[in-house]
Amino acid sequence: MVIRKVLAGLAAAGLVFGSTAAAAAPSDARTGSPVGEAEGLSTFAIILGLLIIAGVIGVIASDNGEDLPASP
């Protein structure tokens, strides 16, 4: 229980100090990245999406239609 409280406190402190450090950063460090150089979907993302879809279809197809017994 103590570890959970310590981790929650560290996470909260990180959020507070992280936003403070970002606000105090020089203006040239806070510039946005150019959108024109953004990449599309990578091959890894497409393959990962297809594997997730195949897994969902496999789980749905593995249902053999047997009804589980239920108490009256």
N, C-alpha and C. Protein backbone atom coordinates (compact mmCIF):
# COMPACT_ATOMS: atom_id res chain seq x y z
N MET A 1 0.83 -1.18 0.00
CA MET A 1 0.00 0.00 0.00
C MET A 1 0.88 1.25 0.00
N VAL A 2 1.99 1.19 0.70
CA VAL A 2 2.88 2.35 0.79
C VAL A 2 3.53 2.61 -0.57
N ILE A 3 3.89 1.53 -1.27
CA ILE A 3 4.54 1.68 -2.57
C ILE A 3 3.58 2.35 -3.55
N ARG A 4 2.31 1.99 -3.50
CA ARG A 4 1.32 2.60 -4.40
C ARG A 4 1.22 4.10 -4.14
N LYS A 5 1.23 4.50 -2.87
CA LYS A 5 1.14 5.92 -2.53
C LYS A 5 2.39 6.67 -2.98
N VAL A 6 3.54 6.04 -2.81
CA VAL A 6 4.79 6.67 -3.23
C VAL A 6 4.82 6.85 -4.75
N LEU A 7 4.40 5.82 -5.48
CA LEU A 7 4.38 5.93 -6.94
C LEU A 7 3.39 6.98 -7.41
N ALA A 8 2.24 7.06 -6.76
CA ALA A 8 1.26 8.09 -7.13
C ALA A 8 1.82 9.48 -6.85
N GLY A 9 2.51 9.64 -5.74
CA GLY A 9 3.12 10.92 -5.41
C GLY A 9 4.21 11.31 -6.38
N LEU A 10 5.02 10.34 -6.79
CA LEU A 10 6.06 10.62 -7.77
C LEU A 10 5.48 10.99 -9.12
N ALA A 11 4.40 10.33 -9.51
CA ALA A 11 3.76 10.66 -10.78
C ALA A 11 3.17 12.07 -10.74
N ALA A 12 2.54 12.42 -9.63
CA ALA A 12 1.96 13.76 -9.50
C ALA A 12 3.06 14.82 -9.50
N ALA A 13 4.15 14.57 -8.80
CA ALA A 13 5.26 15.52 -8.78
C ALA A 13 5.87 15.67 -10.17
N GLY A 14 5.98 14.58 -10.90
CA GLY A 14 6.51 14.65 -12.26
C GLY A 14 5.64 15.48 -13.17
N LEU A 15 4.32 15.35 -13.01
CA LEU A 15 3.42 16.15 -13.83
C LEU A 15 3.53 17.64 -13.50
N VAL A 16 3.63 17.95 -12.22
CA VAL A 16 3.72 19.36 -11.81
C VAL A 16 5.03 19.96 -12.28
N PHE A 17 6.15 19.29 -11.99
CA PHE A 17 7.45 19.85 -12.34
C PHE A 17 7.70 19.80 -13.84
N GLY A 18 7.13 18.82 -14.53
CA GLY A 18 7.29 18.75 -15.98
C GLY A 18 6.63 19.91 -16.69
N SER A 19 5.42 20.25 -16.25
CA SER A 19 4.74 21.39 -16.88
C SER A 19 5.42 22.70 -16.52
N THR A 20 5.96 22.80 -15.32
CA THR A 20 6.68 24.00 -14.91
C THR A 20 7.96 24.16 -15.74
N ALA A 21 8.66 23.07 -15.96
CA ALA A 21 9.90 23.13 -16.75
C ALA A 21 9.58 23.46 -18.20
N ALA A 22 8.47 22.95 -18.72
CA ALA A 22 8.11 23.25 -20.10
C ALA A 22 7.73 24.72 -20.27
N ALA A 23 7.08 25.29 -19.27
CA ALA A 23 6.70 26.70 -19.35
C ALA A 23 7.92 27.60 -19.22
N ALA A 24 8.93 27.15 -18.49
CA ALA A 24 10.12 27.96 -18.27
C ALA A 24 11.15 27.80 -19.39
N ALA A 25 10.91 26.89 -20.33
CA ALA A 25 11.86 26.67 -21.41
C ALA A 25 11.91 27.88 -22.33
N PRO A 26 13.05 28.12 -22.95
CA PRO A 26 13.14 29.24 -23.89
C PRO A 26 12.17 29.05 -25.06
N SER A 27 11.78 30.15 -25.68
CA SER A 27 10.75 30.08 -26.72
C SER A 27 11.20 29.28 -27.94
N ASP A 28 12.49 29.26 -28.24
CA ASP A 28 12.94 28.49 -29.41
C ASP A 28 12.92 26.99 -29.15
N ALA A 29 12.89 26.57 -27.88
CA ALA A 29 12.83 25.15 -27.55
C ALA A 29 11.42 24.62 -27.63
N ARG A 30 10.42 25.52 -27.69
CA ARG A 30 9.03 25.09 -27.68
C ARG A 30 8.37 25.22 -29.04
N THR A 31 9.13 25.24 -30.09
CA THR A 31 8.53 25.35 -31.42
C THR A 31 7.96 24.01 -31.84
N GLY A 32 6.92 24.04 -32.64
CA GLY A 32 6.28 22.82 -33.11
C GLY A 32 7.07 22.19 -34.25
N SER A 33 6.84 20.93 -34.47
CA SER A 33 7.52 20.25 -35.56
C SER A 33 6.76 20.51 -36.86
N PRO A 34 7.45 20.57 -37.97
CA PRO A 34 6.79 20.84 -39.24
C PRO A 34 5.90 19.68 -39.66
N VAL A 35 4.71 20.00 -40.10
CA VAL A 35 3.74 18.97 -40.46
C VAL A 35 4.07 18.37 -41.82
N GLY A 36 4.70 19.11 -42.67
CA GLY A 36 5.03 18.63 -44.00
C GLY A 36 5.97 17.44 -43.98
N GLU A 37 6.76 17.31 -42.94
CA GLU A 37 7.70 16.20 -42.85
C GLU A 37 7.15 15.02 -42.06
N ALA A 38 5.87 15.06 -41.74
CA ALA A 38 5.27 13.97 -40.97
C ALA A 38 5.18 12.73 -41.83
N GLU A 39 5.37 11.58 -41.19
CA GLU A 39 5.30 10.32 -41.91
C GLU A 39 3.88 9.77 -41.85
N GLY A 40 3.56 8.96 -42.82
CA GLY A 40 2.27 8.27 -42.82
C GLY A 40 2.37 7.03 -41.95
N LEU A 41 1.44 6.11 -42.16
CA LEU A 41 1.48 4.86 -41.40
C LEU A 41 2.71 4.06 -41.80
N SER A 42 3.42 3.59 -40.83
CA SER A 42 4.59 2.78 -41.11
C SER A 42 4.17 1.35 -41.40
N THR A 43 5.06 0.59 -41.96
CA THR A 43 4.79 -0.81 -42.25
C THR A 43 4.52 -1.58 -40.97
N PHE A 44 5.24 -1.24 -39.92
CA PHE A 44 5.04 -1.91 -38.64
C PHE A 44 3.63 -1.68 -38.11
N ALA A 45 3.13 -0.45 -38.22
CA ALA A 45 1.79 -0.15 -37.74
C ALA A 45 0.74 -0.90 -38.54
N ILE A 46 0.93 -1.01 -39.84
CA ILE A 46 -0.03 -1.74 -40.67
C ILE A 46 -0.03 -3.22 -40.32
N ILE A 47 1.15 -3.82 -40.16
CA ILE A 47 1.25 -5.23 -39.81
C ILE A 47 0.65 -5.48 -38.43
N LEU A 48 0.93 -4.60 -37.48
CA LEU A 48 0.38 -4.74 -36.14
C LEU A 48 -1.15 -4.65 -36.16
N GLY A 49 -1.69 -3.73 -36.94
CA GLY A 49 -3.14 -3.62 -37.06
C GLY A 49 -3.76 -4.86 -37.67
N LEU A 50 -3.11 -5.41 -38.71
CA LEU A 50 -3.62 -6.64 -39.32
C LEU A 50 -3.57 -7.82 -38.36
N LEU A 51 -2.51 -7.90 -37.55
CA LEU A 51 -2.43 -8.98 -36.56
C LEU A 51 -3.52 -8.86 -35.50
N ILE A 52 -3.81 -7.65 -35.08
CA ILE A 52 -4.88 -7.45 -34.09
C ILE A 52 -6.22 -7.83 -34.68
N ILE A 53 -6.47 -7.42 -35.91
CA ILE A 53 -7.73 -7.77 -36.57
C ILE A 53 -7.84 -9.29 -36.74
N ALA A 54 -6.74 -9.95 -37.15
CA ALA A 54 -6.75 -11.40 -37.30
C ALA A 54 -7.00 -12.09 -35.96
N GLY A 55 -6.44 -11.55 -34.88
CA GLY A 55 -6.68 -12.12 -33.57
C GLY A 55 -8.12 -12.01 -33.13
N VAL A 56 -8.73 -10.86 -33.39
CA VAL A 56 -10.14 -10.67 -33.03
C VAL A 56 -11.02 -11.61 -33.84
N ILE A 57 -10.74 -11.73 -35.13
CA ILE A 57 -11.52 -12.65 -35.97
C ILE A 57 -11.32 -14.09 -35.50
N GLY A 58 -10.09 -14.44 -35.12
CA GLY A 58 -9.82 -15.79 -34.62
C GLY A 58 -10.58 -16.10 -33.35
N VAL A 59 -10.67 -15.14 -32.45
CA VAL A 59 -11.40 -15.35 -31.20
C VAL A 59 -12.89 -15.50 -31.49
N ILE A 60 -13.40 -14.70 -32.39
CA ILE A 60 -14.83 -14.80 -32.73
C ILE A 60 -15.11 -16.12 -33.43
N ALA A 61 -14.24 -16.55 -34.32
CA ALA A 61 -14.45 -17.79 -35.07
C ALA A 61 -14.27 -19.03 -34.20
N SER A 62 -13.51 -18.93 -33.12
CA SER A 62 -13.27 -20.11 -32.28
C SER A 62 -14.46 -20.44 -31.40
N ASP A 63 -15.45 -19.58 -31.35
CA ASP A 63 -16.66 -19.86 -30.59
C ASP A 63 -17.41 -20.96 -31.32
N ASN A 64 -17.50 -22.14 -30.70
CA ASN A 64 -18.10 -23.30 -31.38
C ASN A 64 -19.62 -23.34 -31.20
N GLY A 65 -20.22 -22.36 -30.64
CA GLY A 65 -21.66 -22.27 -30.56
C GLY A 65 -22.29 -23.08 -29.45
N GLU A 66 -21.51 -23.75 -28.66
CA GLU A 66 -22.08 -24.53 -27.56
C GLU A 66 -22.55 -23.60 -26.47
N ASP A 67 -23.74 -23.85 -26.00
CA ASP A 67 -24.25 -23.07 -24.91
C ASP A 67 -23.68 -23.59 -23.59
N LEU A 68 -23.27 -22.71 -22.76
CA LEU A 68 -22.77 -23.11 -21.46
C LEU A 68 -23.94 -23.51 -20.56
N PRO A 69 -23.74 -24.49 -19.72
CA PRO A 69 -24.84 -24.88 -18.85
C PRO A 69 -25.18 -23.78 -17.86
N ALA A 70 -26.47 -23.65 -17.61
CA ALA A 70 -26.92 -22.63 -16.69
C ALA A 70 -27.82 -23.28 -15.66
N SER A 71 -27.77 -22.81 -14.45
CA SER A 71 -28.64 -23.36 -13.42
C SER A 71 -30.05 -22.80 -13.61
N PRO A 72 -31.05 -23.63 -13.35
CA PRO A 72 -32.45 -23.17 -13.55
C PRO A 72 -32.88 -22.14 -12.56
